[in-house]
Amino acid sequence: MTEDEEILVAEENGRLLGFAAIYLADDFLHSLFVEPEAQGHRIGQALLKAAQGTFRGTGSLKCLERNEQAVSFYHRNGWQIAGRGDSPDGDYLLMRYEPQRGH
């Protein structure tokens, strides 16, 4: 699933805590995952910030609408809903992130 994607990892003492997978050609955040026991320690926020730093333009992602925790997380970090769709896994939100220029 991550062929041709940039993979960012968060680890501590050799233990994988989370990762982000970005399809750089489209500035598309394909996956962001943090181990459940590592959540709440800003690991997801650090991975998201690093992923956003790879974008050359507007970033995008798809998030299942029922994943309210993730939708809230992305909103808090500057992502906006740009559309909706459906998939075999359920309804999703297309979200976009506009990088701040000149900072």
PDB file of N, CA and C in Angstrom:
ATOM      1  N   MET A   1       0.796  -1.208   0.000  1.00  0.00           N
ATOM      2  CA  MET A   1       0.000   0.000   0.000  1.00  0.00           C
ATOM      3  C   MET A   1       0.836   1.269   0.000  1.00  0.00           C
ATOM      4  N   THR A   2       2.082   1.177   0.376  1.00  0.00           N
ATOM      5  CA  THR A   2       2.899   2.389   0.495  1.00  0.00           C
ATOM      6  C   THR A   2       3.944   2.503  -0.617  1.00  0.00           C
ATOM      7  N   GLU A   3       3.763   1.763  -1.703  1.00  0.00           N
ATOM      8  CA  GLU A   3       4.707   1.852  -2.815  1.00  0.00           C
ATOM      9  C   GLU A   3       4.781   3.287  -3.323  1.00  0.00           C
ATOM     10  N   ASP A   4       5.979   3.762  -3.552  1.00  0.00           N
ATOM     11  CA  ASP A   4       6.245   5.126  -4.037  1.00  0.00           C
ATOM     12  C   ASP A   4       5.870   6.209  -3.029  1.00  0.00           C
ATOM     13  N   GLU A   5       5.732   5.860  -1.766  1.00  0.00           N
ATOM     14  CA  GLU A   5       5.403   6.845  -0.743  1.00  0.00           C
ATOM     15  C   GLU A   5       6.590   7.092   0.170  1.00  0.00           C
ATOM     16  N   GLU A   6       6.657   8.294   0.694  1.00  0.00           N
ATOM     17  CA  GLU A   6       7.655   8.665   1.701  1.00  0.00           C
ATOM     18  C   GLU A   6       7.103   8.208   3.049  1.00  0.00           C
ATOM     19  N   ILE A   7       7.907   7.479   3.814  1.00  0.00           N
ATOM     20  CA  ILE A   7       7.461   6.976   5.108  1.00  0.00           C
ATOM     21  C   ILE A   7       8.247   7.688   6.210  1.00  0.00           C
ATOM     22  N   LEU A   8       7.535   8.320   7.109  1.00  0.00           N
ATOM     23  CA  LEU A   8       8.125   8.953   8.285  1.00  0.00           C
ATOM     24  C   LEU A   8       7.787   8.089   9.484  1.00  0.00           C
ATOM     25  N   VAL A   9       8.739   7.874  10.372  1.00  0.00           N
ATOM     26  CA  VAL A   9       8.482   7.016  11.528  1.00  0.00           C
ATOM     27  C   VAL A   9       8.809   7.756  12.824  1.00  0.00           C
ATOM     28  N   ALA A  10       8.076   7.391  13.851  1.00  0.00           N
ATOM     29  CA  ALA A  10       8.364   7.854  15.208  1.00  0.00           C
ATOM     30  C   ALA A  10       8.747   6.610  15.994  1.00  0.00           C
ATOM     31  N   GLU A  11       9.905   6.678  16.630  1.00  0.00           N
ATOM     32  CA  GLU A  11      10.351   5.525  17.408  1.00  0.00           C
ATOM     33  C   GLU A  11      11.058   6.002  18.663  1.00  0.00           C
ATOM     34  N   GLU A  12      11.093   5.117  19.626  1.00  0.00           N
ATOM     35  CA  GLU A  12      11.776   5.404  20.885  1.00  0.00           C
ATOM     36  C   GLU A  12      12.497   4.141  21.317  1.00  0.00           C
ATOM     37  N   ASN A  13      13.804   4.245  21.470  1.00  0.00           N
ATOM     38  CA  ASN A  13      14.631   3.099  21.852  1.00  0.00           C
ATOM     39  C   ASN A  13      14.410   1.894  20.938  1.00  0.00           C
ATOM     40  N   GLY A  14      14.290   2.173  19.635  1.00  0.00           N
ATOM     41  CA  GLY A  14      14.123   1.110  18.661  1.00  0.00           C
ATOM     42  C   GLY A  14      12.714   0.577  18.534  1.00  0.00           C
ATOM     43  N   ARG A  15      11.780   1.099  19.297  1.00  0.00           N
ATOM     44  CA  ARG A  15      10.382   0.640  19.261  1.00  0.00           C
ATOM     45  C   ARG A  15       9.556   1.598  18.405  1.00  0.00           C
ATOM     46  N   LEU A  16       8.887   1.062  17.394  1.00  0.00           N
ATOM     47  CA  LEU A  16       8.058   1.857  16.505  1.00  0.00           C
ATOM     48  C   LEU A  16       6.818   2.338  17.257  1.00  0.00           C
ATOM     49  N   LEU A  17       6.614   3.673  17.271  1.00  0.00           N
ATOM     50  CA  LEU A  17       5.458   4.256  17.950  1.00  0.00           C
ATOM     51  C   LEU A  17       4.391   4.711  16.967  1.00  0.00           C
ATOM     52  N   GLY A  18       4.795   5.027  15.741  1.00  0.00           N
ATOM     53  CA  GLY A  18       3.838   5.484  14.742  1.00  0.00           C
ATOM     54  C   GLY A  18       4.531   5.770  13.434  1.00  0.00           C
ATOM     55  N   PHE A  19       3.712   6.052  12.414  1.00  0.00           N
ATOM     56  CA  PHE A  19       4.276   6.380  11.111  1.00  0.00           C
ATOM     57  C   PHE A  19       3.294   7.229  10.319  1.00  0.00           C
ATOM     58  N   ALA A  20       3.822   7.897   9.319  1.00  0.00           N
ATOM     59  CA  ALA A  20       3.023   8.626   8.340  1.00  0.00           C
ATOM     60  C   ALA A  20       3.530   8.231   6.964  1.00  0.00           C
ATOM     61  N   ALA A  21       2.621   8.017   6.035  1.00  0.00           N
ATOM     62  CA  ALA A  21       2.970   7.682   4.653  1.00  0.00           C
ATOM     63  C   ALA A  21       2.396   8.771   3.746  1.00  0.00           C
ATOM     64  N   ILE A  22       3.269   9.388   2.944  1.00  0.00           N
ATOM     65  CA  ILE A  22       2.874  10.495   2.085  1.00  0.00           C
ATOM     66  C   ILE A  22       3.191  10.148   0.636  1.00  0.00           C
ATOM     67  N   TYR A  23       2.205  10.317  -0.235  1.00  0.00           N
ATOM     68  CA  TYR A  23       2.439  10.188  -1.663  1.00  0.00           C
ATOM     69  C   TYR A  23       2.843  11.575  -2.135  1.00  0.00           C
ATOM     70  N   LEU A  24       4.158  11.791  -2.252  1.00  0.00           N
ATOM     71  CA  LEU A  24       4.709  13.113  -2.508  1.00  0.00           C
ATOM     72  C   LEU A  24       4.240  13.728  -3.828  1.00  0.00           C
ATOM     73  N   ALA A  25       4.033  12.917  -4.848  1.00  0.00           N
ATOM     74  CA  ALA A  25       3.644  13.444  -6.154  1.00  0.00           C
ATOM     75  C   ALA A  25       2.333  14.224  -6.089  1.00  0.00           C
ATOM     76  N   ASP A  26       1.462  13.867  -5.142  1.00  0.00           N
ATOM     77  CA  ASP A  26       0.157  14.526  -5.005  1.00  0.00           C
ATOM     78  C   ASP A  26      -0.009  15.264  -3.680  1.00  0.00           C
ATOM     79  N   ASP A  27       1.047  15.360  -2.871  1.00  0.00           N
ATOM     80  CA  ASP A  27       0.933  15.957  -1.535  1.00  0.00           C
ATOM     81  C   ASP A  27      -0.240  15.327  -0.778  1.00  0.00           C
ATOM     82  N   PHE A  28      -0.315  13.998  -0.845  1.00  0.00           N
ATOM     83  CA  PHE A  28      -1.431  13.252  -0.257  1.00  0.00           C
ATOM     84  C   PHE A  28      -0.951  12.455   0.949  1.00  0.00           C
ATOM     85  N   LEU A  29      -1.519  12.743   2.102  1.00  0.00           N
ATOM     86  CA  LEU A  29      -1.213  11.986   3.312  1.00  0.00           C
ATOM     87  C   LEU A  29      -2.059  10.718   3.284  1.00  0.00           C
ATOM     88  N   HIS A  30      -1.424   9.617   2.944  1.00  0.00           N
ATOM     89  CA  HIS A  30      -2.134   8.358   2.766  1.00  0.00           C
ATOM     90  C   HIS A  30      -2.450   7.685   4.094  1.00  0.00           C
ATOM     91  N   SER A  31      -1.531   7.736   5.031  1.00  0.00           N
ATOM     92  CA  SER A  31      -1.725   7.068   6.316  1.00  0.00           C
ATOM     93  C   SER A  31      -1.042   7.850   7.426  1.00  0.00           C
ATOM     94  N   LEU A  32      -1.683   7.883   8.580  1.00  0.00           N
ATOM     95  CA  LEU A  32      -1.070   8.401   9.797  1.00  0.00           C
ATOM     96  C   LEU A  32      -1.546   7.490  10.914  1.00  0.00           C
ATOM     97  N   PHE A  33      -0.598   6.846  11.585  1.00  0.00           N
ATOM     98  CA  PHE A  33      -0.950   5.879  12.620  1.00  0.00           C
ATOM     99  C   PHE A  33      -0.028   6.049  13.812  1.00  0.00           C
ATOM    100  N   VAL A  34      -0.624   6.020  15.000  1.00  0.00           N
ATOM    101  CA  VAL A  34       0.130   6.021  16.252  1.00  0.00           C
ATOM    102  C   VAL A  34      -0.390   4.851  17.088  1.00  0.00           C
ATOM    103  N   GLU A  35       0.536   4.054  17.608  1.00  0.00           N
ATOM    104  CA  GLU A  35       0.150   2.928  18.466  1.00  0.00           C
ATOM    105  C   GLU A  35      -0.776   3.435  19.577  1.00  0.00           C
ATOM    106  N   PRO A  36      -1.836   2.712  19.884  1.00  0.00           N
ATOM    107  CA  PRO A  36      -2.789   3.176  20.899  1.00  0.00           C
ATOM    108  C   PRO A  36      -2.149   3.548  22.238  1.00  0.00           C
ATOM    109  N   GLU A  37      -1.178   2.768  22.700  1.00  0.00           N
ATOM    110  CA  GLU A  37      -0.555   3.077  23.992  1.00  0.00           C
ATOM    111  C   GLU A  37       0.358   4.299  23.927  1.00  0.00           C
ATOM    112  N   ALA A  38       0.688   4.764  22.721  1.00  0.00           N
ATOM    113  CA  ALA A  38       1.550   5.934  22.557  1.00  0.00           C
ATOM    114  C   ALA A  38       0.736   7.199  22.259  1.00  0.00           C
ATOM    115  N   GLN A  39      -0.568   7.065  22.125  1.00  0.00           N
ATOM    116  CA  GLN A  39      -1.410   8.218  21.827  1.00  0.00           C
ATOM    117  C   GLN A  39      -1.483   9.152  23.031  1.00  0.00           C
ATOM    118  N   GLY A  40      -1.697  10.418  22.744  1.00  0.00           N
ATOM    119  CA  GLY A  40      -1.784  11.414  23.810  1.00  0.00           C
ATOM    120  C   GLY A  40      -0.444  11.999  24.209  1.00  0.00           C
ATOM    121  N   HIS A  41       0.604  11.697  23.448  1.00  0.00           N
ATOM    122  CA  HIS A  41       1.945  12.199  23.755  1.00  0.00           C
ATOM    123  C   HIS A  41       2.501  13.059  22.623  1.00  0.00           C
ATOM    124  N   ARG A  42       1.625  13.603  21.791  1.00  0.00           N
ATOM    125  CA  ARG A  42       1.968  14.511  20.685  1.00  0.00           C
ATOM    126  C   ARG A  42       2.766  13.841  19.562  1.00  0.00           C
ATOM    127  N   ILE A  43       2.775  12.532  19.526  1.00  0.00           N
ATOM    128  CA  ILE A  43       3.479  11.822  18.459  1.00  0.00           C
ATOM    129  C   ILE A  43       2.758  12.033  17.137  1.00  0.00           C
ATOM    130  N   GLY A  44       1.441  11.909  17.148  1.00  0.00           N
ATOM    131  CA  GLY A  44       0.661  12.140  15.930  1.00  0.00           C
ATOM    132  C   GLY A  44       0.840  13.552  15.420  1.00  0.00           C
ATOM    133  N   GLN A  45       0.854  14.509  16.326  1.00  0.00           N
ATOM    134  CA  GLN A  45       1.035  15.904  15.935  1.00  0.00           C
ATOM    135  C   GLN A  45       2.419  16.116  15.312  1.00  0.00           C
ATOM    136  N   ALA A  46       3.439  15.503  15.889  1.00  0.00           N
ATOM    137  CA  ALA A  46       4.795  15.622  15.335  1.00  0.00           C
ATOM    138  C   ALA A  46       4.879  14.981  13.950  1.00  0.00           C
ATOM    139  N   LEU A  47       4.275  13.811  13.788  1.00  0.00           N
ATOM    140  CA  LEU A  47       4.277  13.153  12.481  1.00  0.00           C
ATOM    141  C   LEU A  47       3.505  13.985  11.460  1.00  0.00           C
ATOM    142  N   LEU A  48       2.363  14.534  11.877  1.00  0.00           N
ATOM    143  CA  LEU A  48       1.567  15.347  10.965  1.00  0.00           C
ATOM    144  C   LEU A  48       2.331  16.589  10.535  1.00  0.00           C
ATOM    145  N   LYS A  49       2.977  17.248  11.478  1.00  0.00           N
ATOM    146  CA  LYS A  49       3.759  18.447  11.155  1.00  0.00           C
ATOM    147  C   LYS A  49       4.892  18.099  10.184  1.00  0.00           C
ATOM    148  N   ALA A  50       5.566  16.992  10.418  1.00  0.00           N
ATOM    149  CA  ALA A  50       6.639  16.561   9.511  1.00  0.00           C
ATOM    150  C   ALA A  50       6.081  16.245   8.127  1.00  0.00           C
ATOM    151  N   ALA A  51       4.937  15.583   8.080  1.00  0.00           N
ATOM    152  CA  ALA A  51       4.299  15.261   6.798  1.00  0.00           C
ATOM    153  C   ALA A  51       3.919  16.543   6.064  1.00  0.00           C
ATOM    154  N   GLN A  52       3.326  17.491   6.778  1.00  0.00           N
ATOM    155  CA  GLN A  52       2.937  18.760   6.174  1.00  0.00           C
ATOM    156  C   GLN A  52       4.147  19.498   5.616  1.00  0.00           C
ATOM    157  N   GLY A  53       5.287  19.315   6.251  1.00  0.00           N
ATOM    158  CA  GLY A  53       6.518  19.943   5.789  1.00  0.00           C
ATOM    159  C   GLY A  53       7.018  19.409   4.462  1.00  0.00           C
ATOM    160  N   THR A  54       6.503  18.265   4.022  1.00  0.00           N
ATOM    161  CA  THR A  54       6.902  17.708   2.727  1.00  0.00           C
ATOM    162  C   THR A  54       6.059  18.250   1.580  1.00  0.00           C
ATOM    163  N   PHE A  55       4.935  18.893   1.899  1.00  0.00           N
ATOM    164  CA  PHE A  55       4.018  19.353   0.853  1.00  0.00           C
ATOM    165  C   PHE A  55       4.626  20.512   0.066  1.00  0.00           C
ATOM    166  N   ARG A  56       4.495  20.459  -1.236  1.00  0.00           N
ATOM    167  CA  ARG A  56       4.917  21.547  -2.113  1.00  0.00           C
ATOM    168  C   ARG A  56       3.757  22.495  -2.386  1.00  0.00           C
ATOM    169  N   GLY A  57       2.567  22.026  -2.148  1.00  0.00           N
ATOM    170  CA  GLY A  57       1.349  22.805  -2.370  1.00  0.00           C
ATOM    171  C   GLY A  57       0.314  22.397  -1.340  1.00  0.00           C
ATOM    172  N   THR A  58      -0.935  22.378  -1.763  1.00  0.00           N
ATOM    173  CA  THR A  58      -2.027  22.007  -0.870  1.00  0.00           C
ATOM    174  C   THR A  58      -1.982  20.514  -0.576  1.00  0.00           C
ATOM    175  N   GLY A  59      -1.986  20.170   0.700  1.00  0.00           N
ATOM    176  CA  GLY A  59      -2.020  18.775   1.107  1.00  0.00           C
ATOM    177  C   GLY A  59      -3.447  18.264   1.151  1.00  0.00           C
ATOM    178  N   SER A  60      -3.601  16.963   1.005  1.00  0.00           N
ATOM    179  CA  SER A  60      -4.927  16.372   1.093  1.00  0.00           C
ATOM    180  C   SER A  60      -4.850  15.009   1.771  1.00  0.00           C
ATOM    181  N   LEU A  61      -5.997  14.581   2.267  1.00  0.00           N
ATOM    182  CA  LEU A  61      -6.139  13.256   2.869  1.00  0.00           C
ATOM    183  C   LEU A  61      -7.600  12.873   2.838  1.00  0.00           C
ATOM    184  N   LYS A  62      -7.852  11.602   3.045  1.00  0.00           N
ATOM    185  CA  LYS A  62      -9.208  11.103   3.215  1.00  0.00           C
ATOM    186  C   LYS A  62      -9.291  10.503   4.607  1.00  0.00           C
ATOM    187  N   CYS A  63     -10.367  10.834   5.316  1.00  0.00           N
ATOM    188  CA  CYS A  63     -10.568  10.345   6.677  1.00  0.00           C
ATOM    189  C   CYS A  63     -11.995   9.826   6.791  1.00  0.00           C
ATOM    190  N   LEU A  64     -12.147   8.632   7.321  1.00  0.00           N
ATOM    191  CA  LEU A  64     -13.492   8.110   7.499  1.00  0.00           C
ATOM    192  C   LEU A  64     -14.292   9.050   8.392  1.00  0.00           C
ATOM    193  N   GLU A  65     -15.486   9.383   7.944  1.00  0.00           N
ATOM    194  CA  GLU A  65     -16.323  10.334   8.658  1.00  0.00           C
ATOM    195  C   GLU A  65     -16.639   9.859  10.073  1.00  0.00           C
ATOM    196  N   ARG A  66     -16.790   8.548  10.249  1.00  0.00           N
ATOM    197  CA  ARG A  66     -17.126   8.013  11.575  1.00  0.00           C
ATOM    198  C   ARG A  66     -15.957   8.092  12.565  1.00  0.00           C
ATOM    199  N   ASN A  67     -14.742   8.362  12.065  1.00  0.00           N
ATOM    200  CA  ASN A  67     -13.565   8.467  12.929  1.00  0.00           C
ATOM    201  C   ASN A  67     -13.498   9.895  13.477  1.00  0.00           C
ATOM    202  N   GLU A  68     -14.418  10.205  14.375  1.00  0.00           N
ATOM    203  CA  GLU A  68     -14.562  11.564  14.892  1.00  0.00           C
ATOM    204  C   GLU A  68     -13.299  12.069  15.574  1.00  0.00           C
ATOM    205  N   GLN A  69     -12.576  11.189  16.249  1.00  0.00           N
ATOM    206  CA  GLN A  69     -11.336  11.585  16.922  1.00  0.00           C
ATOM    207  C   GLN A  69     -10.316  12.085  15.897  1.00  0.00           C
ATOM    208  N   ALA A  70     -10.172  11.378  14.783  1.00  0.00           N
ATOM    209  CA  ALA A  70      -9.222  11.788  13.745  1.00  0.00           C
ATOM    210  C   ALA A  70      -9.681  13.077  13.067  1.00  0.00           C
ATOM    211  N   VAL A  71     -10.976  13.180  12.763  1.00  0.00           N
ATOM    212  CA  VAL A  71     -11.490  14.396  12.123  1.00  0.00           C
ATOM    213  C   VAL A  71     -11.204  15.601  13.004  1.00  0.00           C
ATOM    214  N   SER A  72     -11.454  15.473  14.295  1.00  0.00           N
ATOM    215  CA  SER A  72     -11.188  16.560  15.245  1.00  0.00           C
ATOM    216  C   SER A  72      -9.693  16.894  15.287  1.00  0.00           C
ATOM    217  N   PHE A  73      -8.842  15.872  15.298  1.00  0.00           N
ATOM    218  CA  PHE A  73      -7.390  16.051  15.304  1.00  0.00           C
ATOM    219  C   PHE A  73      -6.940  16.870  14.088  1.00  0.00           C
ATOM    220  N   TYR A  74      -7.424  16.498  12.916  1.00  0.00           N
ATOM    221  CA  TYR A  74      -7.018  17.220  11.705  1.00  0.00           C
ATOM    222  C   TYR A  74      -7.540  18.661  11.728  1.00  0.00           C
ATOM    223  N   HIS A  75      -8.772  18.860  12.175  1.00  0.00           N
ATOM    224  CA  HIS A  75      -9.305  20.229  12.296  1.00  0.00           C
ATOM    225  C   HIS A  75      -8.421  21.072  13.205  1.00  0.00           C
ATOM    226  N   ARG A  76      -8.045  20.528  14.362  1.00  0.00           N
ATOM    227  CA  ARG A  76      -7.206  21.273  15.312  1.00  0.00           C
ATOM    228  C   ARG A  76      -5.857  21.642  14.714  1.00  0.00           C
ATOM    229  N   ASN A  77      -5.445  20.896  13.703  1.00  0.00           N
ATOM    230  CA  ASN A  77      -4.143  21.129  13.086  1.00  0.00           C
ATOM    231  C   ASN A  77      -4.232  21.810  11.729  1.00  0.00           C
ATOM    232  N   GLY A  78      -5.346  22.518  11.489  1.00  0.00           N
ATOM    233  CA  GLY A  78      -5.457  23.376  10.326  1.00  0.00           C
ATOM    234  C   GLY A  78      -6.050  22.776   9.066  1.00  0.00           C
ATOM    235  N   TRP A  79      -6.537  21.553   9.123  1.00  0.00           N
ATOM    236  CA  TRP A  79      -7.133  20.910   7.958  1.00  0.00           C
ATOM    237  C   TRP A  79      -8.608  21.282   7.864  1.00  0.00           C
ATOM    238  N   GLN A  80      -9.094  21.424   6.629  1.00  0.00           N
ATOM    239  CA  GLN A  80     -10.487  21.788   6.378  1.00  0.00           C
ATOM    240  C   GLN A  80     -11.154  20.744   5.483  1.00  0.00           C
ATOM    241  N   ILE A  81     -12.430  20.536   5.698  1.00  0.00           N
ATOM    242  CA  ILE A  81     -13.198  19.613   4.858  1.00  0.00           C
ATOM    243  C   ILE A  81     -13.401  20.260   3.487  1.00  0.00           C
ATOM    244  N   ALA A  82     -13.055  19.514   2.445  1.00  0.00           N
ATOM    245  CA  ALA A  82     -13.177  20.014   1.077  1.00  0.00           C
ATOM    246  C   ALA A  82     -14.202  19.223   0.272  1.00  0.00           C
ATOM    247  N   GLY A  83     -14.633  18.085   0.796  1.00  0.00           N
ATOM    248  CA  GLY A  83     -15.598  17.263   0.077  1.00  0.00           C
ATOM    249  C   GLY A  83     -15.903  15.996   0.845  1.00  0.00           C
ATOM    250  N   ARG A  84     -16.789  15.212   0.265  1.00  0.00           N
ATOM    251  CA  ARG A  84     -17.192  13.946   0.869  1.00  0.00           C
ATOM    252  C   ARG A  84     -17.246  12.880  -0.211  1.00  0.00           C
ATOM    253  N   GLY A  85     -17.131  11.627   0.225  1.00  0.00           N
ATOM    254  CA  GLY A  85     -17.234  10.516  -0.705  1.00  0.00           C
ATOM    255  C   GLY A  85     -17.605   9.251   0.041  1.00  0.00           C
ATOM    256  N   ASP A  86     -17.742   8.178  -0.708  1.00  0.00           N
ATOM    257  CA  ASP A  86     -18.011   6.903  -0.054  1.00  0.00           C
ATOM    258  C   ASP A  86     -17.033   5.862  -0.582  1.00  0.00           C
ATOM    259  N   SER A  87     -16.783   4.882   0.259  1.00  0.00           N
ATOM    260  CA  SER A  87     -15.846   3.815  -0.066  1.00  0.00           C
ATOM    261  C   SER A  87     -16.378   2.530   0.552  1.00  0.00           C
ATOM    262  N   PRO A  88     -15.785   1.397   0.225  1.00  0.00           N
ATOM    263  CA  PRO A  88     -16.210   0.148   0.853  1.00  0.00           C
ATOM    264  C   PRO A  88     -16.085   0.175   2.383  1.00  0.00           C
ATOM    265  N   ASP A  89     -15.180   1.035   2.908  1.00  0.00           N
ATOM    266  CA  ASP A  89     -14.992   1.136   4.358  1.00  0.00           C
ATOM    267  C   ASP A  89     -15.969   2.107   5.012  1.00  0.00           C
ATOM    268  N   GLY A  90     -16.714   2.868   4.222  1.00  0.00           N
ATOM    269  CA  GLY A  90     -17.676   3.820   4.763  1.00  0.00           C
ATOM    270  C   GLY A  90     -17.488   5.203   4.157  1.00  0.00           C
ATOM    271  N   ASP A  91     -18.352   6.121   4.568  1.00  0.00           N
ATOM    272  CA  ASP A  91     -18.274   7.496   4.080  1.00  0.00           C
ATOM    273  C   ASP A  91     -16.996   8.151   4.596  1.00  0.00           C
ATOM    274  N   TYR A  92     -16.388   8.963   3.731  1.00  0.00           N
ATOM    275  CA  TYR A  92     -15.155   9.639   4.125  1.00  0.00           C
ATOM    276  C   TYR A  92     -15.248  11.131   3.840  1.00  0.00           C
ATOM    277  N   LEU A  93     -14.376  11.872   4.496  1.00  0.00           N
ATOM    278  CA  LEU A  93     -14.212  13.297   4.260  1.00  0.00           C
ATOM    279  C   LEU A  93     -12.914  13.497   3.505  1.00  0.00           C
ATOM    280  N   LEU A  94     -12.950  14.308   2.463  1.00  0.00           N
ATOM    281  CA  LEU A  94     -11.740  14.748   1.795  1.00  0.00           C
ATOM    282  C   LEU A  94     -11.333  16.030   2.506  1.00  0.00           C
ATOM    283  N   MET A  95     -10.129  16.045   3.036  1.00  0.00           N
ATOM    284  CA  MET A  95      -9.656  17.197   3.791  1.00  0.00           C
ATOM    285  C   MET A  95      -8.437  17.789   3.111  1.00  0.00           C
ATOM    286  N   ARG A  96      -8.285  19.109   3.243  1.00  0.00           N
ATOM    287  CA  ARG A  96      -7.170  19.814   2.621  1.00  0.00           C
ATOM    288  C   ARG A  96      -6.439  20.666   3.661  1.00  0.00           C
ATOM    289  N   TYR A  97      -5.150  20.843   3.375  1.00  0.00           N
ATOM    290  CA  TYR A  97      -4.289  21.665   4.244  1.00  0.00           C
ATOM    291  C   TYR A  97      -3.525  22.626   3.348  1.00  0.00           C
ATOM    292  N   GLU A  98      -3.650  23.910   3.652  1.00  0.00           N
ATOM    293  CA  GLU A  98      -2.917  24.947   2.922  1.00  0.00           C
ATOM    294  C   GLU A  98      -1.687  25.338   3.752  1.00  0.00           C
ATOM    295  N   PRO A  99      -0.484  25.050   3.266  1.00  0.00           N
ATOM    296  CA  PRO A  99       0.717  25.433   4.011  1.00  0.00           C
ATOM    297  C   PRO A  99       0.812  26.951   4.137  1.00  0.00           C
ATOM    298  N   GLN A 100       1.311  27.401   5.268  1.00  0.00           N
ATOM    299  CA  GLN A 100       1.548  28.829   5.457  1.00  0.00           C
ATOM    300  C   GLN A 100       2.867  29.168   4.772  1.00  0.00           C
ATOM    301  N   ARG A 101       2.836  30.163   3.948  1.00  0.00           N
ATOM    302  CA  ARG A 101       4.029  30.570   3.203  1.00  0.00           C
ATOM    303  C   ARG A 101       4.730  31.703   3.936  1.00  0.00           C
ATOM    304  N   GLY A 102       6.051  31.732   3.815  1.00  0.00           N
ATOM    305  CA  GLY A 102       6.834  32.827   4.363  1.00  0.00           C
ATOM    306  C   GLY A 102       7.066  32.757   5.862  1.00  0.00           C
ATOM    307  N   HIS A 103       6.842  31.582   6.473  1.00  0.00           N
ATOM    308  CA  HIS A 103       7.074  31.441   7.925  1.00  0.00           C
ATOM    309  C   HIS A 103       8.202  30.488   8.172  1.00  0.00           C
TER     310      HIS A 103
END
